[in-house]
PDB file of N, CA and C in Angstrom:
ATOM      1  N   MET A   1      90.839 157.436  -7.325  1.00  0.00           N
ATOM      2  CA  MET A   1      89.420 157.399  -6.447  1.00  0.00           C
ATOM      3  C   MET A   1      89.088 158.216  -6.742  1.00  0.00           C
ATOM      4  N   ARG A   2      87.465 158.475  -6.978  1.00  0.00           N
ATOM      5  CA  ARG A   2      86.516 160.002  -7.503  1.00  0.00           C
ATOM      6  C   ARG A   2      85.933 159.799  -6.230  1.00  0.00           C
ATOM      7  N   TYR A   3      85.552 161.405  -5.653  1.00  0.00           N
ATOM      8  CA  TYR A   3      84.715 161.391  -4.211  1.00  0.00           C
ATOM      9  C   TYR A   3      83.746 162.381  -4.901  1.00  0.00           C
ATOM     10  N   LYS A   4      82.437 162.194  -3.712  1.00  0.00           N
ATOM     11  CA  LYS A   4      81.442 162.950  -4.193  1.00  0.00           C
ATOM     12  C   LYS A   4      81.332 164.284  -2.715  1.00  0.00           C
ATOM     13  N   GLN A   5      80.561 165.371  -2.522  1.00  0.00           N
ATOM     14  CA  GLN A   5      80.018 166.383  -1.752  1.00  0.00           C
ATOM     15  C   GLN A   5      79.737 165.087  -0.819  1.00  0.00           C
ATOM     16  N   PHE A   6      79.438 165.124   0.806  1.00  0.00           N
ATOM     17  CA  PHE A   6      78.745 164.626   1.654  1.00  0.00           C
ATOM     18  C   PHE A   6      77.566 165.701   1.908  1.00  0.00           C
ATOM     19  N   GLY A   7      75.934 165.223   1.312  1.00  0.00           N
ATOM     20  CA  GLY A   7      75.087 166.725   1.908  1.00  0.00           C
ATOM     21  C   GLY A   7      76.248 167.540   1.739  1.00  0.00           C
ATOM     22  N   ARG A   8      75.261 168.814   2.593  1.00  0.00           N
ATOM     23  CA  ARG A   8      76.148 170.205   2.792  1.00  0.00           C
ATOM     24  C   ARG A   8      77.280 170.050   3.223  1.00  0.00           C
ATOM     25  N   THR A   9      77.657 168.897   4.009  1.00  0.00           N
ATOM     26  CA  THR A   9      79.526 169.427   5.186  1.00  0.00           C
ATOM     27  C   THR A   9      80.464 170.235   4.350  1.00  0.00           C
ATOM     28  N   GLY A  10      80.403 169.602   2.972  1.00  0.00           N
ATOM     29  CA  GLY A  10      81.450 170.381   2.651  1.00  0.00           C
ATOM     30  C   GLY A  10      82.728 169.294   2.523  1.00  0.00           C
ATOM     31  N   TRP A  11      82.173 167.882   2.682  1.00  0.00           N
ATOM     32  CA  TRP A  11      83.114 166.843   2.857  1.00  0.00           C
ATOM     33  C   TRP A  11      83.879 165.890   1.604  1.00  0.00           C
ATOM     34  N   GLU A  12      84.490 166.043   1.228  1.00  0.00           N
ATOM     35  CA  GLU A  12      85.008 164.773   0.157  1.00  0.00           C
ATOM     36  C   GLU A  12      84.519 163.113   0.244  1.00  0.00           C
ATOM     37  N   VAL A  13      83.925 162.702  -0.093  1.00  0.00           N
ATOM     38  CA  VAL A  13      83.929 161.272   0.388  1.00  0.00           C
ATOM     39  C   VAL A  13      84.194 160.484  -0.424  1.00  0.00           C
ATOM     40  N   SER A  14      85.141 159.300  -0.133  1.00  0.00           N
ATOM     41  CA  SER A  14      85.190 158.548  -1.727  1.00  0.00           C
ATOM     42  C   SER A  14      83.857 158.230  -2.591  1.00  0.00           C
ATOM     43  N   GLU A  15      83.757 157.607  -3.612  1.00  0.00           N
ATOM     44  CA  GLU A  15      82.650 157.276  -3.961  1.00  0.00           C
ATOM     45  C   GLU A  15      82.569 155.134  -3.514  1.00  0.00           C
ATOM     46  N   ILE A  16      83.915 154.853  -3.114  1.00  0.00           N
ATOM     47  CA  ILE A  16      84.275 153.636  -2.937  1.00  0.00           C
ATOM     48  C   ILE A  16      84.226 153.764  -1.020  1.00  0.00           C
ATOM     49  N   GLY A  17      83.598 152.692  -0.895  1.00  0.00           N
ATOM     50  CA  GLY A  17      83.828 152.584   0.898  1.00  0.00           C
ATOM     51  C   GLY A  17      83.894 151.465   1.247  1.00  0.00           C
ATOM     52  N   TYR A  18      84.554 150.724   2.530  1.00  0.00           N
ATOM     53  CA  TYR A  18      84.977 149.940   3.483  1.00  0.00           C
ATOM     54  C   TYR A  18      84.647 149.431   3.810  1.00  0.00           C
ATOM     55  N   GLY A  19      83.960 148.788   4.049  1.00  0.00           N
ATOM     56  CA  GLY A  19      82.786 148.073   5.287  1.00  0.00           C
ATOM     57  C   GLY A  19      83.955 146.759   5.831  1.00  0.00           C
ATOM     58  N   MET A  20      83.339 147.513   7.757  1.00  0.00           N
ATOM     59  CA  MET A  20      84.425 146.976   8.504  1.00  0.00           C
ATOM     60  C   MET A  20      83.814 145.411   9.083  1.00  0.00           C
ATOM     61  N   TRP A  21      83.088 145.158   8.376  1.00  0.00           N
ATOM     62  CA  TRP A  21      82.597 143.266   8.743  1.00  0.00           C
ATOM     63  C   TRP A  21      83.573 142.656   9.566  1.00  0.00           C
ATOM     64  N   GLY A  22      84.929 142.607   8.293  1.00  0.00           N
ATOM     65  CA  GLY A  22      85.055 140.946   8.935  1.00  0.00           C
ATOM     66  C   GLY A  22      86.036 142.028  10.096  1.00  0.00           C
ATOM     67  N   MET A  23      86.631 143.529  10.313  1.00  0.00           N
ATOM     68  CA  MET A  23      87.332 143.447  10.968  1.00  0.00           C
ATOM     69  C   MET A  23      86.662 143.258  12.548  1.00  0.00           C
ATOM     70  N   GLY A  24      85.460 143.463  13.064  1.00  0.00           N
ATOM     71  CA  GLY A  24      84.231 143.538  13.787  1.00  0.00           C
ATOM     72  C   GLY A  24      84.330 141.761  14.365  1.00  0.00           C
ATOM     73  N   GLY A  25      84.783 141.056  14.085  1.00  0.00           N
ATOM     74  CA  GLY A  25      84.225 140.063  13.917  1.00  0.00           C
ATOM     75  C   GLY A  25      83.501 139.020  13.223  1.00  0.00           C
ATOM     76  N   TRP A  26      82.789 139.178  12.592  1.00  0.00           N
ATOM     77  CA  TRP A  26      81.814 138.723  11.124  1.00  0.00           C
ATOM     78  C   TRP A  26      82.928 137.941  10.147  1.00  0.00           C
ATOM     79  N   SER A  27      83.530 137.235  10.686  1.00  0.00           N
ATOM     80  CA  SER A  27      84.002 136.692   9.409  1.00  0.00           C
ATOM     81  C   SER A  27      85.220 136.192  10.079  1.00  0.00           C
ATOM     82  N   ASN A  28      85.990 135.374   9.473  1.00  0.00           N
ATOM     83  CA  ASN A  28      87.554 133.646  10.135  1.00  0.00           C
ATOM     84  C   ASN A  28      89.061 134.368   9.471  1.00  0.00           C
ATOM     85  N   SER A  29      88.571 136.199   9.510  1.00  0.00           N
ATOM     86  CA  SER A  29      89.767 137.318   8.904  1.00  0.00           C
ATOM     87  C   SER A  29      90.914 136.906  10.187  1.00  0.00           C
ATOM     88  N   ASP A  30      91.764 136.539  10.166  1.00  0.00           N
ATOM     89  CA  ASP A  30      92.906 137.438  11.142  1.00  0.00           C
ATOM     90  C   ASP A  30      93.573 138.760  11.326  1.00  0.00           C
ATOM     91  N   ASP A  31      93.767 139.481  12.323  1.00  0.00           N
ATOM     92  CA  ASP A  31      94.245 140.728  11.955  1.00  0.00           C
ATOM     93  C   ASP A  31      95.159 141.029  11.554  1.00  0.00           C
ATOM     94  N   GLN A  32      96.140 140.673  11.299  1.00  0.00           N
ATOM     95  CA  GLN A  32      96.726 140.944   9.722  1.00  0.00           C
ATOM     96  C   GLN A  32      96.304 141.195   8.723  1.00  0.00           C
ATOM     97  N   GLN A  33      95.074 140.095   8.348  1.00  0.00           N
ATOM     98  CA  GLN A  33      94.815 139.928   6.729  1.00  0.00           C
ATOM     99  C   GLN A  33      93.828 141.289   6.977  1.00  0.00           C
ATOM    100  N   SER A  34      93.257 141.383   8.468  1.00  0.00           N
ATOM    101  CA  SER A  34      92.479 142.545   8.158  1.00  0.00           C
ATOM    102  C   SER A  34      93.157 143.932   8.215  1.00  0.00           C
ATOM    103  N   LEU A  35      93.799 144.196   9.308  1.00  0.00           N
ATOM    104  CA  LEU A  35      94.817 145.420   8.645  1.00  0.00           C
ATOM    105  C   LEU A  35      95.648 145.428   7.256  1.00  0.00           C
ATOM    106  N   GLN A  36      95.690 144.403   6.406  1.00  0.00           N
ATOM    107  CA  GLN A  36      96.301 144.547   5.590  1.00  0.00           C
ATOM    108  C   GLN A  36      95.429 145.204   4.551  1.00  0.00           C
ATOM    109  N   SER A  37      94.287 144.453   4.570  1.00  0.00           N
ATOM    110  CA  SER A  37      93.016 145.166   4.087  1.00  0.00           C
ATOM    111  C   SER A  37      92.643 146.286   3.623  1.00  0.00           C
ATOM    112  N   LEU A  38      92.811 147.139   5.381  1.00  0.00           N
ATOM    113  CA  LEU A  38      91.995 148.405   5.806  1.00  0.00           C
ATOM    114  C   LEU A  38      93.159 149.127   4.794  1.00  0.00           C
ATOM    115  N   GLN A  39      94.787 148.626   4.861  1.00  0.00           N
ATOM    116  CA  GLN A  39      95.993 149.937   4.908  1.00  0.00           C
ATOM    117  C   GLN A  39      95.837 149.985   2.742  1.00  0.00           C
ATOM    118  N   THR A  40      95.025 148.643   2.864  1.00  0.00           N
ATOM    119  CA  THR A  40      95.075 148.407   1.318  1.00  0.00           C
ATOM    120  C   THR A  40      94.085 149.842   0.824  1.00  0.00           C
ATOM    121  N   ALA A  41      93.185 149.177   1.063  1.00  0.00           N
ATOM    122  CA  ALA A  41      91.984 150.986   1.042  1.00  0.00           C
ATOM    123  C   ALA A  41      92.245 151.754   1.177  1.00  0.00           C
ATOM    124  N   VAL A  42      93.016 152.590   2.753  1.00  0.00           N
ATOM    125  CA  VAL A  42      93.086 153.953   3.034  1.00  0.00           C
ATOM    126  C   VAL A  42      94.719 154.319   1.222  1.00  0.00           C
ATOM    127  N   ASN A  43      95.111 153.225   1.517  1.00  0.00           N
ATOM    128  CA  ASN A  43      96.788 153.437   0.497  1.00  0.00           C
ATOM    129  C   ASN A  43      95.821 153.925  -1.311  1.00  0.00           C
ATOM    130  N   ARG A  44      94.979 153.673  -1.676  1.00  0.00           N
ATOM    131  CA  ARG A  44      94.009 154.063  -2.515  1.00  0.00           C
ATOM    132  C   ARG A  44      92.992 154.799  -2.546  1.00  0.00           C
ATOM    133  N   GLY A  45      92.951 155.433  -1.642  1.00  0.00           N
ATOM    134  CA  GLY A  45      92.242 156.745  -1.358  1.00  0.00           C
ATOM    135  C   GLY A  45      90.706 156.636  -0.669  1.00  0.00           C
ATOM    136  N   CYS A  46      90.383 155.220  -0.353  1.00  0.00           N
ATOM    137  CA  CYS A  46      89.272 155.631   0.183  1.00  0.00           C
ATOM    138  C   CYS A  46      89.088 155.891   1.705  1.00  0.00           C
ATOM    139  N   ASN A  47      88.217 156.879   1.944  1.00  0.00           N
ATOM    140  CA  ASN A  47      88.069 157.930   3.134  1.00  0.00           C
ATOM    141  C   ASN A  47      86.663 157.467   3.563  1.00  0.00           C
ATOM    142  N   PHE A  48      85.304 156.450   3.634  1.00  0.00           N
ATOM    143  CA  PHE A  48      84.231 155.796   3.920  1.00  0.00           C
ATOM    144  C   PHE A  48      84.909 154.605   4.458  1.00  0.00           C
ATOM    145  N   PHE A  49      84.170 154.583   5.996  1.00  0.00           N
ATOM    146  CA  PHE A  49      84.480 153.310   6.511  1.00  0.00           C
ATOM    147  C   PHE A  49      82.918 153.253   7.230  1.00  0.00           C
ATOM    148  N   ASP A  50      82.497 152.608   6.687  1.00  0.00           N
ATOM    149  CA  ASP A  50      81.186 151.440   7.251  1.00  0.00           C
ATOM    150  C   ASP A  50      81.062 150.308   8.517  1.00  0.00           C
ATOM    151  N   THR A  51      80.943 150.973   9.574  1.00  0.00           N
ATOM    152  CA  THR A  51      81.158 150.851  10.847  1.00  0.00           C
ATOM    153  C   THR A  51      80.339 150.746  11.710  1.00  0.00           C
ATOM    154  N   ALA A  52      79.171 150.064  10.679  1.00  0.00           N
ATOM    155  CA  ALA A  52      77.722 149.892  11.347  1.00  0.00           C
ATOM    156  C   ALA A  52      77.014 149.054  12.222  1.00  0.00           C
ATOM    157  N   TYR A  53      76.905 148.670  13.308  1.00  0.00           N
ATOM    158  CA  TYR A  53      76.799 147.498  14.337  1.00  0.00           C
ATOM    159  C   TYR A  53      75.872 147.071  13.459  1.00  0.00           C
ATOM    160  N   VAL A  54      75.391 145.234  13.282  1.00  0.00           N
ATOM    161  CA  VAL A  54      74.499 144.892  12.577  1.00  0.00           C
ATOM    162  C   VAL A  54      74.159 143.845  13.760  1.00  0.00           C
TER     163      VAL A  54
END
C-alpha cells in the first residue's frame, strides 16, 4: 500500500480508501461478508475509510 500525507496533519493515509456503503445497509451484503471485506482492506494496509452519510 502506498500512503500520502493528509494535508498539514502529518497523518499518513492510504492512497486507496475503503467505502463503507455496504456496511451502512445500502447493499445486500450480510454482516459476515462486510466484516470479511473490511478485514481484508485493513490487512492490506488501508487506513482511509469513507463513512459519509449519503
